[in-house]
Amino acid sequence: ANIRTTPTNIPELRLSVRAENGREVYHWFAPAPKAQLAVGEAIPFRARLLSAPEDGKEVRVQFAERNPAPVMPQARQGSAR
């Protein structure tokens, strides 16, 4: 639902499966059902995961970051290059 006072662009959705202890065990991305919501507009969405992790207890839905900060690779210990 768009609770803002202006039309709002909808980013991609990030869905994550979490274990009973809250640890994320799997995640995937799904496209938003449409690109933009009008003021006050609400729309349902559906996402499907065919092979859910057995230890999954809940699914969390978030908006994906549009421009996430790049992840820098960490140096591997014991490598001498």
N, C-alpha and C. Protein backbone atom coordinates (compact mmCIF):
# COMPACT_ATOMS: atom_id res chain seq x y z
N ALA A 1 0.84 -1.18 0.00
CA ALA A 1 0.00 0.00 0.00
C ALA A 1 0.88 1.24 0.00
N ASN A 2 0.48 2.22 -0.78
CA ASN A 2 1.20 3.50 -0.80
C ASN A 2 0.53 4.45 0.17
N ILE A 3 1.19 4.71 1.28
CA ILE A 3 0.63 5.61 2.29
C ILE A 3 1.21 7.02 2.15
N ARG A 4 2.04 7.22 1.14
CA ARG A 4 2.61 8.55 0.89
C ARG A 4 1.59 9.45 0.21
N THR A 5 1.93 10.72 0.09
CA THR A 5 1.03 11.68 -0.55
C THR A 5 1.38 11.91 -2.02
N THR A 6 2.28 11.12 -2.54
CA THR A 6 2.68 11.18 -3.95
C THR A 6 2.77 9.76 -4.51
N PRO A 7 2.66 9.60 -5.82
CA PRO A 7 2.86 8.27 -6.41
C PRO A 7 4.26 7.76 -6.04
N THR A 8 4.39 6.46 -5.88
CA THR A 8 5.64 5.88 -5.41
C THR A 8 6.08 4.73 -6.30
N ASN A 9 7.34 4.77 -6.73
CA ASN A 9 7.91 3.67 -7.48
C ASN A 9 8.14 2.48 -6.55
N ILE A 10 7.94 1.29 -7.06
CA ILE A 10 8.09 0.09 -6.24
C ILE A 10 9.36 -0.64 -6.65
N PRO A 11 10.29 -0.84 -5.73
CA PRO A 11 11.49 -1.61 -6.06
C PRO A 11 11.19 -3.11 -6.08
N GLU A 12 12.16 -3.86 -6.48
CA GLU A 12 12.07 -5.32 -6.46
C GLU A 12 11.84 -5.78 -5.01
N LEU A 13 11.22 -6.93 -4.83
CA LEU A 13 10.97 -7.47 -3.51
C LEU A 13 12.05 -8.48 -3.14
N ARG A 14 12.48 -8.47 -1.89
CA ARG A 14 13.44 -9.46 -1.38
C ARG A 14 12.70 -10.30 -0.36
N LEU A 15 12.64 -11.59 -0.61
CA LEU A 15 11.96 -12.51 0.29
C LEU A 15 13.01 -13.40 0.94
N SER A 16 12.89 -13.62 2.23
CA SER A 16 13.86 -14.46 2.92
C SER A 16 13.13 -15.47 3.80
N VAL A 17 13.66 -16.67 3.81
CA VAL A 17 13.16 -17.74 4.67
C VAL A 17 14.05 -17.76 5.90
N ARG A 18 13.44 -17.78 7.06
CA ARG A 18 14.20 -17.75 8.31
C ARG A 18 13.88 -18.97 9.16
N ALA A 19 14.91 -19.44 9.85
CA ALA A 19 14.75 -20.57 10.76
C ALA A 19 14.08 -20.10 12.05
N GLU A 20 13.78 -21.03 12.91
CA GLU A 20 13.11 -20.71 14.17
C GLU A 20 13.89 -19.70 15.01
N ASN A 21 15.23 -19.75 14.92
CA ASN A 21 16.07 -18.83 15.70
C ASN A 21 16.24 -17.47 15.02
N GLY A 22 15.58 -17.26 13.87
CA GLY A 22 15.64 -15.98 13.16
C GLY A 22 16.73 -15.90 12.12
N ARG A 23 17.58 -16.91 12.03
CA ARG A 23 18.68 -16.92 11.05
C ARG A 23 18.13 -17.11 9.65
N GLU A 24 18.61 -16.31 8.72
CA GLU A 24 18.18 -16.45 7.33
C GLU A 24 18.82 -17.71 6.74
N VAL A 25 17.98 -18.57 6.15
CA VAL A 25 18.50 -19.80 5.56
C VAL A 25 18.42 -19.77 4.03
N TYR A 26 17.65 -18.85 3.48
CA TYR A 26 17.54 -18.73 2.03
C TYR A 26 16.88 -17.41 1.68
N HIS A 27 17.26 -16.82 0.55
CA HIS A 27 16.54 -15.63 0.09
C HIS A 27 16.49 -15.64 -1.43
N TRP A 28 15.51 -14.90 -1.96
CA TRP A 28 15.38 -14.73 -3.40
C TRP A 28 14.68 -13.40 -3.66
N PHE A 29 14.73 -13.00 -4.92
CA PHE A 29 14.13 -11.73 -5.31
C PHE A 29 12.95 -11.99 -6.24
N ALA A 30 11.96 -11.13 -6.16
CA ALA A 30 10.79 -11.23 -7.03
C ALA A 30 10.47 -9.83 -7.55
N PRO A 31 10.03 -9.74 -8.78
CA PRO A 31 9.67 -8.42 -9.30
C PRO A 31 8.42 -7.89 -8.60
N ALA A 32 8.35 -6.59 -8.48
CA ALA A 32 7.14 -5.97 -7.94
C ALA A 32 6.00 -6.20 -8.94
N PRO A 33 4.76 -6.31 -8.47
CA PRO A 33 3.65 -6.58 -9.38
C PRO A 33 3.38 -5.46 -10.38
N LYS A 34 3.83 -4.26 -10.09
CA LYS A 34 3.76 -3.15 -11.02
C LYS A 34 4.83 -2.14 -10.64
N ALA A 35 5.14 -1.22 -11.54
CA ALA A 35 6.27 -0.31 -11.33
C ALA A 35 5.98 0.83 -10.36
N GLN A 36 4.72 1.25 -10.26
CA GLN A 36 4.41 2.42 -9.45
C GLN A 36 3.02 2.27 -8.84
N LEU A 37 2.87 2.79 -7.61
CA LEU A 37 1.56 2.82 -6.95
C LEU A 37 1.08 4.26 -6.86
N ALA A 38 -0.19 4.46 -7.15
CA ALA A 38 -0.80 5.78 -7.00
C ALA A 38 -1.02 6.05 -5.51
N VAL A 39 -1.30 7.29 -5.18
CA VAL A 39 -1.58 7.66 -3.80
C VAL A 39 -2.75 6.82 -3.27
N GLY A 40 -2.55 6.15 -2.14
CA GLY A 40 -3.61 5.35 -1.52
C GLY A 40 -3.83 3.99 -2.17
N GLU A 41 -3.14 3.69 -3.23
CA GLU A 41 -3.34 2.41 -3.93
C GLU A 41 -2.66 1.27 -3.17
N ALA A 42 -3.32 0.13 -3.17
CA ALA A 42 -2.75 -1.09 -2.57
C ALA A 42 -2.93 -2.22 -3.56
N ILE A 43 -1.93 -3.08 -3.66
CA ILE A 43 -2.03 -4.24 -4.55
C ILE A 43 -1.47 -5.47 -3.86
N PRO A 44 -2.05 -6.62 -4.11
CA PRO A 44 -1.49 -7.86 -3.56
C PRO A 44 -0.33 -8.34 -4.45
N PHE A 45 0.45 -9.25 -3.92
CA PHE A 45 1.48 -9.87 -4.73
C PHE A 45 1.56 -11.34 -4.33
N ARG A 46 2.18 -12.12 -5.20
CA ARG A 46 2.35 -13.54 -4.93
C ARG A 46 3.75 -13.93 -5.36
N ALA A 47 4.42 -14.71 -4.54
CA ALA A 47 5.73 -15.25 -4.87
C ALA A 47 5.71 -16.72 -4.45
N ARG A 48 6.45 -17.52 -5.17
CA ARG A 48 6.42 -18.95 -4.90
C ARG A 48 7.84 -19.49 -4.80
N LEU A 49 8.05 -20.37 -3.85
CA LEU A 49 9.33 -21.06 -3.67
C LEU A 49 9.03 -22.54 -3.71
N LEU A 50 9.53 -23.22 -4.73
CA LEU A 50 9.18 -24.62 -4.94
C LEU A 50 9.84 -25.57 -3.95
N SER A 51 11.06 -25.30 -3.56
CA SER A 51 11.77 -26.20 -2.65
C SER A 51 12.21 -25.42 -1.41
N ALA A 52 11.29 -25.21 -0.52
CA ALA A 52 11.59 -24.44 0.69
C ALA A 52 12.52 -25.23 1.61
N PRO A 53 13.45 -24.53 2.28
CA PRO A 53 14.32 -25.21 3.23
C PRO A 53 13.50 -25.84 4.35
N GLU A 54 13.89 -27.04 4.75
CA GLU A 54 13.14 -27.76 5.78
C GLU A 54 13.12 -27.05 7.13
N ASP A 55 14.19 -26.30 7.42
CA ASP A 55 14.24 -25.62 8.72
C ASP A 55 13.62 -24.23 8.67
N GLY A 56 12.98 -23.87 7.56
CA GLY A 56 12.32 -22.57 7.45
C GLY A 56 11.05 -22.52 8.27
N LYS A 57 10.89 -21.44 9.02
CA LYS A 57 9.70 -21.27 9.87
C LYS A 57 8.90 -20.03 9.52
N GLU A 58 9.52 -19.04 8.87
CA GLU A 58 8.81 -17.83 8.50
C GLU A 58 9.43 -17.23 7.25
N VAL A 59 8.64 -16.39 6.58
CA VAL A 59 9.12 -15.68 5.41
C VAL A 59 9.02 -14.19 5.69
N ARG A 60 10.09 -13.47 5.39
CA ARG A 60 10.12 -12.03 5.57
C ARG A 60 10.16 -11.38 4.19
N VAL A 61 9.34 -10.36 3.99
CA VAL A 61 9.30 -9.64 2.71
C VAL A 61 9.77 -8.21 2.96
N GLN A 62 10.72 -7.77 2.14
CA GLN A 62 11.26 -6.42 2.25
C GLN A 62 11.40 -5.86 0.84
N PHE A 63 11.52 -4.55 0.75
CA PHE A 63 11.88 -3.95 -0.53
C PHE A 63 13.38 -4.08 -0.68
N ALA A 64 13.82 -4.49 -1.87
CA ALA A 64 15.24 -4.59 -2.13
C ALA A 64 15.82 -3.20 -2.28
N GLU A 65 17.07 -3.04 -1.92
CA GLU A 65 17.73 -1.75 -2.08
C GLU A 65 17.92 -1.49 -3.57
N ARG A 66 17.66 -0.27 -3.99
CA ARG A 66 17.81 0.07 -5.41
C ARG A 66 19.27 0.06 -5.83
N ASN A 67 20.14 0.65 -5.03
CA ASN A 67 21.56 0.73 -5.34
C ASN A 67 22.36 0.31 -4.11
N PRO A 68 22.39 -0.97 -3.81
CA PRO A 68 23.12 -1.39 -2.61
C PRO A 68 24.61 -1.08 -2.75
N ALA A 69 25.25 -0.84 -1.63
CA ALA A 69 26.69 -0.58 -1.65
C ALA A 69 27.40 -1.83 -2.15
N PRO A 70 28.44 -1.66 -2.96
CA PRO A 70 29.15 -2.84 -3.45
C PRO A 70 29.81 -3.59 -2.31
N VAL A 71 29.81 -4.88 -2.41
CA VAL A 71 30.44 -5.73 -1.41
C VAL A 71 31.87 -5.98 -1.87
N MET A 72 32.80 -5.61 -1.04
CA MET A 72 34.21 -5.81 -1.37
C MET A 72 34.62 -7.21 -0.95
N PRO A 73 35.29 -7.95 -1.84
CA PRO A 73 35.72 -9.29 -1.45
C PRO A 73 36.77 -9.21 -0.35
N GLN A 74 36.68 -10.14 0.59
CA GLN A 74 37.64 -10.16 1.68
C GLN A 74 38.83 -11.03 1.28
N ALA A 75 40.00 -10.64 1.75
CA ALA A 75 41.20 -11.44 1.47
C ALA A 75 41.06 -12.78 2.17
N ARG A 76 41.44 -13.81 1.47
CA ARG A 76 41.39 -15.15 2.05
C ARG A 76 42.64 -15.37 2.90
N GLN A 77 42.45 -15.92 4.06
CA GLN A 77 43.58 -16.17 4.94
C GLN A 77 44.43 -17.29 4.36
N GLY A 78 45.72 -17.14 4.51
CA GLY A 78 46.63 -18.19 4.07
C GLY A 78 46.99 -18.11 2.60
N SER A 79 46.43 -17.15 1.87
CA SER A 79 46.80 -17.04 0.45
C SER A 79 47.91 -16.01 0.32
N ALA A 80 48.94 -16.38 -0.38
CA ALA A 80 50.08 -15.48 -0.56
C ALA A 80 50.20 -15.17 -2.04
N ARG A 81 49.46 -14.17 -2.48
CA ARG A 81 49.50 -13.77 -3.89
C ARG A 81 49.96 -12.37 -4.02
